[in-house]
């Protein structure tokens, strides 16, 4: 799936959002601006970094605008709910088909795990047929 790197600075004031946008356009460090102005603690702590966002059928508005703008852009402030968002995009990676060699190890691991689950289930069924299992309910209740 294609993906794009995204930073976001949410603020409650449109005027402040426009000020941040102008400063970012002039080349000020976007992460420092986010650390200073972001009005949500999670984005303030992460310096506005949302990470790589994937293109999906249901994208949020920030991700949708990031893909529309393209890589390495600063997006003019826009409002979502109570916040105005100033968004910066970074690296873009297009969708691609992985080769068999790239996915072979993960496929083998998944198949091994699936086979182990099946064997464990089969062993448990065989043991239950062979041995009687009694559960002492009163003892189990006392353990809680």
C-alpha atoms as a PDB file:
ATOM      1  CA  UNK A   1       0.000   0.000   0.000  1.00  0.00           C
ATOM      2  CA  UNK A   2       1.289   3.485  -0.756  1.00  0.00           C
ATOM      3  CA  UNK A   3       2.245   5.647   2.199  1.00  0.00           C
ATOM      4  CA  UNK A   4       3.288   9.180   3.063  1.00  0.00           C
ATOM      5  CA  UNK A   5       5.015  10.692   6.086  1.00  0.00           C
ATOM      6  CA  UNK A   6       2.894  13.255   7.973  1.00  0.00           C
ATOM      7  CA  UNK A   7       3.336  15.879  10.706  1.00  0.00           C
ATOM      8  CA  UNK A   8       0.377  17.780  12.189  1.00  0.00           C
ATOM      9  CA  UNK A   9       0.040  20.852  14.407  1.00  0.00           C
ATOM     10  CA  UNK A  10      -3.519  21.210  15.761  1.00  0.00           C
ATOM     11  CA  UNK A  11      -4.427  24.584  17.289  1.00  0.00           C
ATOM     12  CA  UNK A  12      -7.757  26.143  18.270  1.00  0.00           C
ATOM     13  CA  UNK A  13      -7.126  29.573  16.734  1.00  0.00           C
ATOM     14  CA  UNK A  14      -7.283  30.147  12.992  1.00  0.00           C
ATOM     15  CA  UNK A  15      -5.022  33.174  13.392  1.00  0.00           C
ATOM     16  CA  UNK A  16      -2.381  31.099  15.195  1.00  0.00           C
ATOM     17  CA  UNK A  17      -2.666  28.358  12.558  1.00  0.00           C
ATOM     18  CA  UNK A  18      -1.991  30.918   9.791  1.00  0.00           C
ATOM     19  CA  UNK A  19       0.992  32.302  11.748  1.00  0.00           C
ATOM     20  CA  UNK A  20       2.462  28.789  12.114  1.00  0.00           C
ATOM     21  CA  UNK A  21       1.822  28.090   8.430  1.00  0.00           C
ATOM     22  CA  UNK A  22       3.685  31.252   7.344  1.00  0.00           C
ATOM     23  CA  UNK A  23       6.625  30.457   9.635  1.00  0.00           C
ATOM     24  CA  UNK A  24       6.791  26.895   8.312  1.00  0.00           C
ATOM     25  CA  UNK A  25       6.737  28.163   4.721  1.00  0.00           C
ATOM     26  CA  UNK A  26       9.695  30.417   5.553  1.00  0.00           C
ATOM     27  CA  UNK A  27      11.659  27.316   6.553  1.00  0.00           C
ATOM     28  CA  UNK A  28      11.307  27.191  10.336  1.00  0.00           C
ATOM     29  CA  UNK A  29      11.711  23.735  11.820  1.00  0.00           C
ATOM     30  CA  UNK A  30       8.235  22.173  11.739  1.00  0.00           C
ATOM     31  CA  UNK A  31       8.952  19.866  14.668  1.00  0.00           C
ATOM     32  CA  UNK A  32      10.019  22.789  16.861  1.00  0.00           C
ATOM     33  CA  UNK A  33       6.844  24.641  15.863  1.00  0.00           C
ATOM     34  CA  UNK A  34       4.794  21.563  16.783  1.00  0.00           C
ATOM     35  CA  UNK A  35       6.545  21.172  20.130  1.00  0.00           C
ATOM     36  CA  UNK A  36       5.806  24.842  20.882  1.00  0.00           C
ATOM     37  CA  UNK A  37       2.273  25.278  19.529  1.00  0.00           C
ATOM     38  CA  UNK A  38       0.463  21.918  19.222  1.00  0.00           C
ATOM     39  CA  UNK A  39      -2.552  22.034  21.516  1.00  0.00           C
ATOM     40  CA  UNK A  40      -2.918  18.281  21.969  1.00  0.00           C
ATOM     41  CA  UNK A  41      -0.437  16.684  24.357  1.00  0.00           C
ATOM     42  CA  UNK A  42       0.198  13.574  22.248  1.00  0.00           C
ATOM     43  CA  UNK A  43       1.233  15.595  19.175  1.00  0.00           C
ATOM     44  CA  UNK A  44       3.150  18.116  21.292  1.00  0.00           C
ATOM     45  CA  UNK A  45       5.165  15.236  22.799  1.00  0.00           C
ATOM     46  CA  UNK A  46       5.753  13.646  19.376  1.00  0.00           C
ATOM     47  CA  UNK A  47       6.655  17.015  17.817  1.00  0.00           C
ATOM     48  CA  UNK A  48       3.645  16.668  15.518  1.00  0.00           C
ATOM     49  CA  UNK A  49       4.847  13.413  13.983  1.00  0.00           C
ATOM     50  CA  UNK A  50       2.063  11.056  12.903  1.00  0.00           C
ATOM     51  CA  UNK A  51       4.416   8.661  11.120  1.00  0.00           C
ATOM     52  CA  UNK A  52       3.731   7.063   7.779  1.00  0.00           C
ATOM     53  CA  UNK A  53       0.037   7.129   6.869  1.00  0.00           C
ATOM     54  CA  UNK A  54      -1.345   4.589   4.406  1.00  0.00           C
ATOM     55  CA  UNK A  55      -3.826   5.211   1.632  1.00  0.00           C
ATOM     56  CA  UNK A  56      -6.949   3.267   2.520  1.00  0.00           C
ATOM     57  CA  UNK A  57     -10.592   3.328   1.570  1.00  0.00           C
ATOM     58  CA  UNK A  58     -11.404   5.192   4.809  1.00  0.00           C
ATOM     59  CA  UNK A  59      -8.765   7.827   5.463  1.00  0.00           C
ATOM     60  CA  UNK A  60      -9.125  10.627   7.959  1.00  0.00           C
ATOM     61  CA  UNK A  61      -9.093  14.189   6.632  1.00  0.00           C
ATOM     62  CA  UNK A  62      -5.468  14.867   7.580  1.00  0.00           C
ATOM     63  CA  UNK A  63      -4.281  11.788   5.664  1.00  0.00           C
ATOM     64  CA  UNK A  64      -6.542  12.552   2.700  1.00  0.00           C
ATOM     65  CA  UNK A  65      -5.124  16.079   2.407  1.00  0.00           C
ATOM     66  CA  UNK A  66      -1.569  14.805   2.816  1.00  0.00           C
ATOM     67  CA  UNK A  67      -1.962  12.444  -0.144  1.00  0.00           C
ATOM     68  CA  UNK A  68      -3.636  15.167  -2.182  1.00  0.00           C
ATOM     69  CA  UNK A  69      -0.751  17.597  -1.506  1.00  0.00           C
ATOM     70  CA  UNK A  70       1.993  15.089  -2.222  1.00  0.00           C
ATOM     71  CA  UNK A  71       5.429  14.688  -0.657  1.00  0.00           C
ATOM     72  CA  UNK A  72       7.420  17.446   1.049  1.00  0.00           C
ATOM     73  CA  UNK A  73       4.629  20.036   1.198  1.00  0.00           C
ATOM     74  CA  UNK A  74       3.186  22.288   3.876  1.00  0.00           C
ATOM     75  CA  UNK A  75      -0.587  22.367   3.695  1.00  0.00           C
ATOM     76  CA  UNK A  76      -2.551  25.557   4.307  1.00  0.00           C
ATOM     77  CA  UNK A  77      -4.504  25.460   7.598  1.00  0.00           C
ATOM     78  CA  UNK A  78      -7.882  23.706   7.568  1.00  0.00           C
ATOM     79  CA  UNK A  79     -10.449  23.045  10.252  1.00  0.00           C
ATOM     80  CA  UNK A  80     -11.602  19.708  11.650  1.00  0.00           C
ATOM     81  CA  UNK A  81     -13.939  20.004  14.620  1.00  0.00           C
ATOM     82  CA  UNK A  82     -12.501  22.350  17.260  1.00  0.00           C
ATOM     83  CA  UNK A  83      -8.988  22.480  15.763  1.00  0.00           C
ATOM     84  CA  UNK A  84      -7.241  24.122  12.832  1.00  0.00           C
ATOM     85  CA  UNK A  85      -4.536  21.864  11.434  1.00  0.00           C
ATOM     86  CA  UNK A  86      -1.241  22.827   9.844  1.00  0.00           C
ATOM     87  CA  UNK A  87       0.110  19.723   8.115  1.00  0.00           C
ATOM     88  CA  UNK A  88       3.488  18.924   6.639  1.00  0.00           C
ATOM     89  CA  UNK A  89       4.201  15.930   4.419  1.00  0.00           C
ATOM     90  CA  UNK A  90       7.508  14.169   3.977  1.00  0.00           C
ATOM     91  CA  UNK A  91       8.691  11.090   2.174  1.00  0.00           C
ATOM     92  CA  UNK A  92       6.258   9.285  -0.141  1.00  0.00           C
ATOM     93  CA  UNK A  93       6.496   5.588  -0.980  1.00  0.00           C
ATOM     94  CA  UNK A  94       4.346   4.255  -3.825  1.00  0.00           C
ATOM     95  CA  UNK A  95       2.556   0.930  -3.629  1.00  0.00           C
ATOM     96  CA  UNK A  96       4.530  -2.003  -4.957  1.00  0.00           C
ATOM     97  CA  UNK A  97       4.291  -5.757  -5.300  1.00  0.00           C
ATOM     98  CA  UNK A  98       6.818  -7.566  -3.113  1.00  0.00           C
ATOM     99  CA  UNK A  99       8.805 -10.364  -4.690  1.00  0.00           C
ATOM    100  CA  UNK A 100       8.473 -13.930  -3.468  1.00  0.00           C
ATOM    101  CA  UNK A 101      11.994 -13.764  -2.008  1.00  0.00           C
ATOM    102  CA  UNK A 102      10.990 -10.693   0.037  1.00  0.00           C
ATOM    103  CA  UNK A 103       8.023 -12.458   1.635  1.00  0.00           C
ATOM    104  CA  UNK A 104       9.255 -16.065   1.718  1.00  0.00           C
ATOM    105  CA  UNK A 105      10.504 -15.985   5.339  1.00  0.00           C
ATOM    106  CA  UNK A 106       7.298 -14.435   6.688  1.00  0.00           C
ATOM    107  CA  UNK A 107       5.143 -16.925   4.744  1.00  0.00           C
ATOM    108  CA  UNK A 108       7.192 -19.848   6.048  1.00  0.00           C
ATOM    109  CA  UNK A 109       6.886 -18.511   9.610  1.00  0.00           C
ATOM    110  CA  UNK A 110       3.123 -18.096   9.285  1.00  0.00           C
ATOM    111  CA  UNK A 111       2.728 -21.609   7.870  1.00  0.00           C
ATOM    112  CA  UNK A 112       4.892 -23.052  10.661  1.00  0.00           C
ATOM    113  CA  UNK A 113       2.791 -21.266  13.307  1.00  0.00           C
ATOM    114  CA  UNK A 114      -0.436 -22.468  11.674  1.00  0.00           C
ATOM    115  CA  UNK A 115       0.841 -26.076  11.595  1.00  0.00           C
ATOM    116  CA  UNK A 116       1.918 -25.862  15.256  1.00  0.00           C
ATOM    117  CA  UNK A 117      -1.571 -24.658  16.253  1.00  0.00           C
ATOM    118  CA  UNK A 118      -3.198 -27.520  14.339  1.00  0.00           C
ATOM    119  CA  UNK A 119      -0.866 -30.106  15.900  1.00  0.00           C
ATOM    120  CA  UNK A 120      -1.440 -28.694  19.405  1.00  0.00           C
ATOM    121  CA  UNK A 121      -5.218 -28.780  18.914  1.00  0.00           C
ATOM    122  CA  UNK A 122      -5.066 -32.345  17.624  1.00  0.00           C
ATOM    123  CA  UNK A 123      -2.852 -33.435  20.557  1.00  0.00           C
ATOM    124  CA  UNK A 124      -5.234 -31.878  23.089  1.00  0.00           C
ATOM    125  CA  UNK A 125      -8.197 -33.665  21.469  1.00  0.00           C
ATOM    126  CA  UNK A 126      -6.333 -37.003  21.564  1.00  0.00           C
ATOM    127  CA  UNK A 127      -5.360 -36.514  25.217  1.00  0.00           C
ATOM    128  CA  UNK A 128      -8.945 -35.649  26.189  1.00  0.00           C
ATOM    129  CA  UNK A 129     -10.209 -38.807  24.513  1.00  0.00           C
ATOM    130  CA  UNK A 130      -7.559 -40.915  26.230  1.00  0.00           C
ATOM    131  CA  UNK A 131      -7.676 -39.350  29.714  1.00  0.00           C
ATOM    132  CA  UNK A 132     -10.566 -38.141  31.839  1.00  0.00           C
ATOM    133  CA  UNK A 133     -10.305 -34.504  32.910  1.00  0.00           C
ATOM    134  CA  UNK A 134     -11.943 -33.425  36.174  1.00  0.00           C
ATOM    135  CA  UNK A 135     -12.082 -29.796  37.193  1.00  0.00           C
ATOM    136  CA  UNK A 136     -12.513 -29.012  40.880  1.00  0.00           C
ATOM    137  CA  UNK A 137     -14.744 -25.913  40.559  1.00  0.00           C
ATOM    138  CA  UNK A 138     -14.570 -24.962  44.245  1.00  0.00           C
ATOM    139  CA  UNK A 139     -10.766 -25.040  44.179  1.00  0.00           C
ATOM    140  CA  UNK A 140     -10.702 -22.930  41.000  1.00  0.00           C
ATOM    141  CA  UNK A 141     -13.015 -20.355  42.605  1.00  0.00           C
ATOM    142  CA  UNK A 142     -10.714 -20.112  45.647  1.00  0.00           C
ATOM    143  CA  UNK A 143      -7.766 -19.301  43.358  1.00  0.00           C
ATOM    144  CA  UNK A 144      -9.458 -16.110  42.172  1.00  0.00           C
END
